C-alpha atoms as a PDB file:
ATOM      1  CA  UNK A   1       0.000   0.000   0.000  1.00  0.00           C
ATOM      2  CA  UNK A   2       1.356   3.420  -0.943  1.00  0.00           C
ATOM      3  CA  UNK A   3       1.735   6.182   1.559  1.00  0.00           C
ATOM      4  CA  UNK A   4       0.842   9.817   0.906  1.00  0.00           C
ATOM      5  CA  UNK A   5       4.431  10.775   0.037  1.00  0.00           C
ATOM      6  CA  UNK A   6       4.709   8.040  -2.623  1.00  0.00           C
ATOM      7  CA  UNK A   7       1.563   9.317  -4.305  1.00  0.00           C
ATOM      8  CA  UNK A   8       2.809  12.915  -4.238  1.00  0.00           C
ATOM      9  CA  UNK A   9       6.125  12.128  -5.989  1.00  0.00           C
ATOM     10  CA  UNK A  10       4.731  12.066  -9.542  1.00  0.00           C
ATOM     11  CA  UNK A  11       3.131  15.455  -9.075  1.00  0.00           C
ATOM     12  CA  UNK A  12       6.295  16.729  -7.420  1.00  0.00           C
ATOM     13  CA  UNK A  13       8.430  15.571 -10.357  1.00  0.00           C
ATOM     14  CA  UNK A  14       6.248  17.523 -12.804  1.00  0.00           C
ATOM     15  CA  UNK A  15       6.389  20.617 -10.614  1.00  0.00           C
ATOM     16  CA  UNK A  16      10.173  20.215 -10.280  1.00  0.00           C
ATOM     17  CA  UNK A  17      10.566  20.153 -14.066  1.00  0.00           C
ATOM     18  CA  UNK A  18       8.391  23.229 -14.555  1.00  0.00           C
ATOM     19  CA  UNK A  19      10.067  25.069 -11.670  1.00  0.00           C
ATOM     20  CA  UNK A  20      13.508  24.250 -13.100  1.00  0.00           C
ATOM     21  CA  UNK A  21      12.535  25.677 -16.495  1.00  0.00           C
ATOM     22  CA  UNK A  22      11.044  28.783 -14.863  1.00  0.00           C
ATOM     23  CA  UNK A  23      14.077  29.201 -12.623  1.00  0.00           C
ATOM     24  CA  UNK A  24      16.422  28.908 -15.625  1.00  0.00           C
ATOM     25  CA  UNK A  25      14.417  31.494 -17.566  1.00  0.00           C
ATOM     26  CA  UNK A  26      14.495  33.953 -14.659  1.00  0.00           C
ATOM     27  CA  UNK A  27      18.256  33.473 -14.193  1.00  0.00           C
ATOM     28  CA  UNK A  28      18.929  34.016 -17.909  1.00  0.00           C
ATOM     29  CA  UNK A  29      16.683  37.085 -17.973  1.00  0.00           C
ATOM     30  CA  UNK A  30      18.376  38.618 -14.910  1.00  0.00           C
ATOM     31  CA  UNK A  31      21.888  37.817 -16.178  1.00  0.00           C
ATOM     32  CA  UNK A  32      21.108  39.225 -19.626  1.00  0.00           C
ATOM     33  CA  UNK A  33      19.570  42.342 -18.048  1.00  0.00           C
ATOM     34  CA  UNK A  34      22.711  42.921 -15.982  1.00  0.00           C
ATOM     35  CA  UNK A  35      24.763  42.673 -19.157  1.00  0.00           C
ATOM     36  CA  UNK A  36      22.579  45.257 -20.868  1.00  0.00           C
ATOM     37  CA  UNK A  37      22.593  47.651 -17.926  1.00  0.00           C
ATOM     38  CA  UNK A  38      26.255  47.430 -16.894  1.00  0.00           C
ATOM     39  CA  UNK A  39      27.978  46.241 -20.061  1.00  0.00           C
ATOM     40  CA  UNK A  40      31.460  44.774 -19.828  1.00  0.00           C
ATOM     41  CA  UNK A  41      34.895  46.196 -19.060  1.00  0.00           C
ATOM     42  CA  UNK A  42      37.464  46.946 -21.703  1.00  0.00           C
ATOM     43  CA  UNK A  43      39.859  44.093 -22.564  1.00  0.00           C
ATOM     44  CA  UNK A  44      43.056  44.071 -20.503  1.00  0.00           C
ATOM     45  CA  UNK A  45      45.959  41.759 -19.822  1.00  0.00           C
ATOM     46  CA  UNK A  46      45.609  42.259 -16.059  1.00  0.00           C
ATOM     47  CA  UNK A  47      43.292  39.933 -14.143  1.00  0.00           C
ATOM     48  CA  UNK A  48      40.653  42.008 -12.371  1.00  0.00           C
ATOM     49  CA  UNK A  49      37.983  40.564 -10.126  1.00  0.00           C
ATOM     50  CA  UNK A  50      34.564  41.530 -11.503  1.00  0.00           C
ATOM     51  CA  UNK A  51      32.493  43.505  -9.018  1.00  0.00           C
ATOM     52  CA  UNK A  52      29.658  41.096  -9.761  1.00  0.00           C
ATOM     53  CA  UNK A  53      31.560  38.349  -7.945  1.00  0.00           C
ATOM     54  CA  UNK A  54      31.568  40.418  -4.771  1.00  0.00           C
ATOM     55  CA  UNK A  55      27.814  40.964  -4.972  1.00  0.00           C
ATOM     56  CA  UNK A  56      27.322  37.286  -5.779  1.00  0.00           C
ATOM     57  CA  UNK A  57      29.244  36.370  -2.647  1.00  0.00           C
ATOM     58  CA  UNK A  58      26.786  38.459  -0.639  1.00  0.00           C
ATOM     59  CA  UNK A  59      23.856  36.482  -2.107  1.00  0.00           C
ATOM     60  CA  UNK A  60      25.689  33.242  -1.306  1.00  0.00           C
ATOM     61  CA  UNK A  61      26.068  34.313   2.335  1.00  0.00           C
ATOM     62  CA  UNK A  62      22.409  35.346   2.578  1.00  0.00           C
ATOM     63  CA  UNK A  63      21.327  32.006   1.142  1.00  0.00           C
ATOM     64  CA  UNK A  64      23.555  30.169   3.584  1.00  0.00           C
ATOM     65  CA  UNK A  65      21.998  31.993   6.509  1.00  0.00           C
ATOM     66  CA  UNK A  66      18.484  31.307   5.160  1.00  0.00           C
ATOM     67  CA  UNK A  67      19.220  27.590   4.856  1.00  0.00           C
ATOM     68  CA  UNK A  68      20.555  27.508   8.390  1.00  0.00           C
ATOM     69  CA  UNK A  69      17.384  29.274   9.525  1.00  0.00           C
ATOM     70  CA  UNK A  70      15.231  26.788   7.575  1.00  0.00           C
ATOM     71  CA  UNK A  71      17.018  23.874   9.242  1.00  0.00           C
ATOM     72  CA  UNK A  72      16.460  25.384  12.678  1.00  0.00           C
ATOM     73  CA  UNK A  73      12.784  26.087  11.992  1.00  0.00           C
ATOM     74  CA  UNK A  74      11.936  22.639  10.623  1.00  0.00           C
ATOM     75  CA  UNK A  75      13.470  21.046  13.710  1.00  0.00           C
ATOM     76  CA  UNK A  76      11.215  23.240  15.869  1.00  0.00           C
ATOM     77  CA  UNK A  77       8.187  22.474  13.671  1.00  0.00           C
ATOM     78  CA  UNK A  78       7.761  26.105  12.585  1.00  0.00           C
ATOM     79  CA  UNK A  79       6.541  25.177   9.108  1.00  0.00           C
ATOM     80  CA  UNK A  80       5.684  28.666   7.871  1.00  0.00           C
ATOM     81  CA  UNK A  81       9.080  30.137   8.815  1.00  0.00           C
ATOM     82  CA  UNK A  82      10.793  27.000   7.494  1.00  0.00           C
ATOM     83  CA  UNK A  83       9.162  27.354   4.079  1.00  0.00           C
ATOM     84  CA  UNK A  84       9.766  31.098   3.972  1.00  0.00           C
ATOM     85  CA  UNK A  85      13.460  30.557   4.720  1.00  0.00           C
ATOM     86  CA  UNK A  86      13.672  27.951   1.952  1.00  0.00           C
ATOM     87  CA  UNK A  87      12.065  30.360  -0.522  1.00  0.00           C
ATOM     88  CA  UNK A  88      14.496  33.100   0.495  1.00  0.00           C
ATOM     89  CA  UNK A  89      17.419  30.687   0.071  1.00  0.00           C
ATOM     90  CA  UNK A  90      16.136  29.711  -3.366  1.00  0.00           C
ATOM     91  CA  UNK A  91      15.770  33.371  -4.323  1.00  0.00           C
ATOM     92  CA  UNK A  92      19.321  34.028  -3.122  1.00  0.00           C
ATOM     93  CA  UNK A  93      20.533  31.084  -5.199  1.00  0.00           C
ATOM     94  CA  UNK A  94      18.860  32.495  -8.296  1.00  0.00           C
ATOM     95  CA  UNK A  95      20.348  35.934  -7.690  1.00  0.00           C
ATOM     96  CA  UNK A  96      23.760  34.368  -7.047  1.00  0.00           C
ATOM     97  CA  UNK A  97      23.701  32.439 -10.328  1.00  0.00           C
ATOM     98  CA  UNK A  98      22.414  35.455 -12.274  1.00  0.00           C
ATOM     99  CA  UNK A  99      25.040  37.821 -10.897  1.00  0.00           C
ATOM    100  CA  UNK A 100      27.824  35.225 -11.224  1.00  0.00           C
ATOM    101  CA  UNK A 101      26.792  34.516 -14.836  1.00  0.00           C
ATOM    102  CA  UNK A 102      27.084  38.196 -15.620  1.00  0.00           C
ATOM    103  CA  UNK A 103      30.427  38.286 -13.775  1.00  0.00           C
ATOM    104  CA  UNK A 104      31.772  35.334 -15.795  1.00  0.00           C
ATOM    105  CA  UNK A 105      30.649  36.976 -19.019  1.00  0.00           C
ATOM    106  CA  UNK A 106      32.332  40.249 -17.993  1.00  0.00           C
ATOM    107  CA  UNK A 107      35.499  38.356 -17.015  1.00  0.00           C
ATOM    108  CA  UNK A 108      35.682  36.599 -20.375  1.00  0.00           C
ATOM    109  CA  UNK A 109      35.037  39.874 -22.226  1.00  0.00           C
ATOM    110  CA  UNK A 110      37.776  41.622 -20.221  1.00  0.00           C
ATOM    111  CA  UNK A 111      40.492  39.260 -21.469  1.00  0.00           C
ATOM    112  CA  UNK A 112      42.779  40.869 -24.006  1.00  0.00           C
ATOM    113  CA  UNK A 113      42.803  39.084 -27.382  1.00  0.00           C
ATOM    114  CA  UNK A 114      46.638  39.148 -27.259  1.00  0.00           C
ATOM    115  CA  UNK A 115      46.721  36.793 -24.268  1.00  0.00           C
ATOM    116  CA  UNK A 116      47.286  33.091 -24.731  1.00  0.00           C
ATOM    117  CA  UNK A 117      44.587  31.488 -22.619  1.00  0.00           C
ATOM    118  CA  UNK A 118      46.563  28.269 -22.179  1.00  0.00           C
ATOM    119  CA  UNK A 119      49.434  30.020 -20.401  1.00  0.00           C
ATOM    120  CA  UNK A 120      47.688  32.927 -18.679  1.00  0.00           C
ATOM    121  CA  UNK A 121      46.161  32.921 -15.206  1.00  0.00           C
ATOM    122  CA  UNK A 122      42.836  33.947 -16.744  1.00  0.00           C
ATOM    123  CA  UNK A 123      42.213  30.442 -18.094  1.00  0.00           C
ATOM    124  CA  UNK A 124      42.776  28.808 -14.724  1.00  0.00           C
ATOM    125  CA  UNK A 125      40.525  31.269 -12.918  1.00  0.00           C
ATOM    126  CA  UNK A 126      37.755  30.838 -15.487  1.00  0.00           C
ATOM    127  CA  UNK A 127      38.073  27.050 -15.221  1.00  0.00           C
ATOM    128  CA  UNK A 128      37.760  27.127 -11.400  1.00  0.00           C
ATOM    129  CA  UNK A 129      34.765  29.451 -11.555  1.00  0.00           C
ATOM    130  CA  UNK A 130      33.076  27.343 -14.263  1.00  0.00           C
ATOM    131  CA  UNK A 131      33.557  24.103 -12.301  1.00  0.00           C
ATOM    132  CA  UNK A 132      32.146  25.830  -9.221  1.00  0.00           C
ATOM    133  CA  UNK A 133      29.166  27.008 -11.294  1.00  0.00           C
ATOM    134  CA  UNK A 134      28.413  23.451 -12.436  1.00  0.00           C
ATOM    135  CA  UNK A 135      28.476  22.198  -8.857  1.00  0.00           C
ATOM    136  CA  UNK A 136      26.354  25.104  -7.689  1.00  0.00           C
ATOM    137  CA  UNK A 137      23.684  24.311 -10.267  1.00  0.00           C
ATOM    138  CA  UNK A 138      23.478  20.794  -8.816  1.00  0.00           C
ATOM    139  CA  UNK A 139      23.178  22.230  -5.284  1.00  0.00           C
ATOM    140  CA  UNK A 140      20.544  24.674  -6.515  1.00  0.00           C
ATOM    141  CA  UNK A 141      18.567  21.781  -8.003  1.00  0.00           C
ATOM    142  CA  UNK A 142      18.746  19.968  -4.667  1.00  0.00           C
ATOM    143  CA  UNK A 143      17.492  23.109  -2.950  1.00  0.00           C
ATOM    144  CA  UNK A 144      14.638  23.413  -5.437  1.00  0.00           C
ATOM    145  CA  UNK A 145      13.615  19.778  -4.826  1.00  0.00           C
ATOM    146  CA  UNK A 146      13.757  20.263  -1.054  1.00  0.00           C
ATOM    147  CA  UNK A 147      11.684  23.456  -1.312  1.00  0.00           C
ATOM    148  CA  UNK A 148       9.010  21.800  -3.439  1.00  0.00           C
ATOM    149  CA  UNK A 149       9.020  18.802  -1.074  1.00  0.00           C
ATOM    150  CA  UNK A 150       8.605  21.147   1.893  1.00  0.00           C
ATOM    151  CA  UNK A 151       5.469  22.589   0.330  1.00  0.00           C
ATOM    152  CA  UNK A 152       4.232  18.994  -0.083  1.00  0.00           C
ATOM    153  CA  UNK A 153       4.592  18.484   3.691  1.00  0.00           C
ATOM    154  CA  UNK A 154       7.591  16.156   3.361  1.00  0.00           C
ATOM    155  CA  UNK A 155       9.603  17.533   6.277  1.00  0.00           C
ATOM    156  CA  UNK A 156       8.844  17.912   9.958  1.00  0.00           C
ATOM    157  CA  UNK A 157      10.658  17.792  13.296  1.00  0.00           C
ATOM    158  CA  UNK A 158      11.202  14.028  12.919  1.00  0.00           C
ATOM    159  CA  UNK A 159      12.375  13.891   9.289  1.00  0.00           C
ATOM    160  CA  UNK A 160      14.402  16.714   7.767  1.00  0.00           C
ATOM    161  CA  UNK A 161      17.400  14.946   6.231  1.00  0.00           C
ATOM    162  CA  UNK A 162      16.882  16.590   2.810  1.00  0.00           C
ATOM    163  CA  UNK A 163      17.062  20.032   4.408  1.00  0.00           C
ATOM    164  CA  UNK A 164      20.274  19.082   6.213  1.00  0.00           C
ATOM    165  CA  UNK A 165      21.801  17.743   2.986  1.00  0.00           C
ATOM    166  CA  UNK A 166      20.832  20.843   0.971  1.00  0.00           C
ATOM    167  CA  UNK A 167      22.325  23.074   3.670  1.00  0.00           C
ATOM    168  CA  UNK A 168      25.608  21.200   3.744  1.00  0.00           C
ATOM    169  CA  UNK A 169      25.874  21.279  -0.062  1.00  0.00           C
ATOM    170  CA  UNK A 170      25.371  25.030   0.054  1.00  0.00           C
ATOM    171  CA  UNK A 171      27.845  25.588   2.896  1.00  0.00           C
ATOM    172  CA  UNK A 172      30.558  23.459   1.255  1.00  0.00           C
ATOM    173  CA  UNK A 173      30.148  25.307  -2.031  1.00  0.00           C
ATOM    174  CA  UNK A 174      30.342  28.607  -0.137  1.00  0.00           C
ATOM    175  CA  UNK A 175      33.674  27.548   1.353  1.00  0.00           C
ATOM    176  CA  UNK A 176      34.901  26.504  -2.098  1.00  0.00           C
ATOM    177  CA  UNK A 177      33.807  29.886  -3.485  1.00  0.00           C
ATOM    178  CA  UNK A 178      35.827  31.685  -0.790  1.00  0.00           C
ATOM    179  CA  UNK A 179      38.819  29.567  -1.877  1.00  0.00           C
ATOM    180  CA  UNK A 180      38.272  30.597  -5.495  1.00  0.00           C
ATOM    181  CA  UNK A 181      38.126  34.249  -4.443  1.00  0.00           C
ATOM    182  CA  UNK A 182      41.458  33.756  -2.656  1.00  0.00           C
ATOM    183  CA  UNK A 183      42.908  32.342  -5.887  1.00  0.00           C
ATOM    184  CA  UNK A 184      41.573  35.423  -7.678  1.00  0.00           C
ATOM    185  CA  UNK A 185      43.223  37.679  -5.123  1.00  0.00           C
ATOM    186  CA  UNK A 186      46.573  35.881  -5.429  1.00  0.00           C
ATOM    187  CA  UNK A 187      46.392  35.816  -9.227  1.00  0.00           C
ATOM    188  CA  UNK A 188      45.516  39.507  -9.447  1.00  0.00           C
ATOM    189  CA  UNK A 189      48.666  40.542  -7.568  1.00  0.00           C
END
């Protein structure tokens, strides 16, 4: 005999697909809008940290705090605050990816055509940031699944493993991002 959660999974999978498409469209729209509004810097041979990365880091920190708050609230069975914190974390994730996408685009556009990408520090920095972006998209998908599951009454004070996992994914990627920023700082000197 199926329980309520088993029956809700098919509906949840459809909502996850639609939410992923919507989330991707919003991220592309925001990233493209930032490109139109702020443009890109002039090409240079010097590695400069895009300002967008600093703003993105702020959204990463806000999302981390929101996930921590969601974890605390689900353990205390404060469902409304738990779901609100998850939505805020998801919004922060979308802003982070949008701003970082614009920052990556600006970084690539700021590379002088005279540079050899294979031997310059720019290539390594772009590679690290791109690998981080791929991992962050996975973590963002986990967060989206957990958020949709939360609105399907999946989590409570007894079962909240998905929330814990999503939080740890986010926190680990935040630490990795700080490491990448340190590499930027060293490479820019």
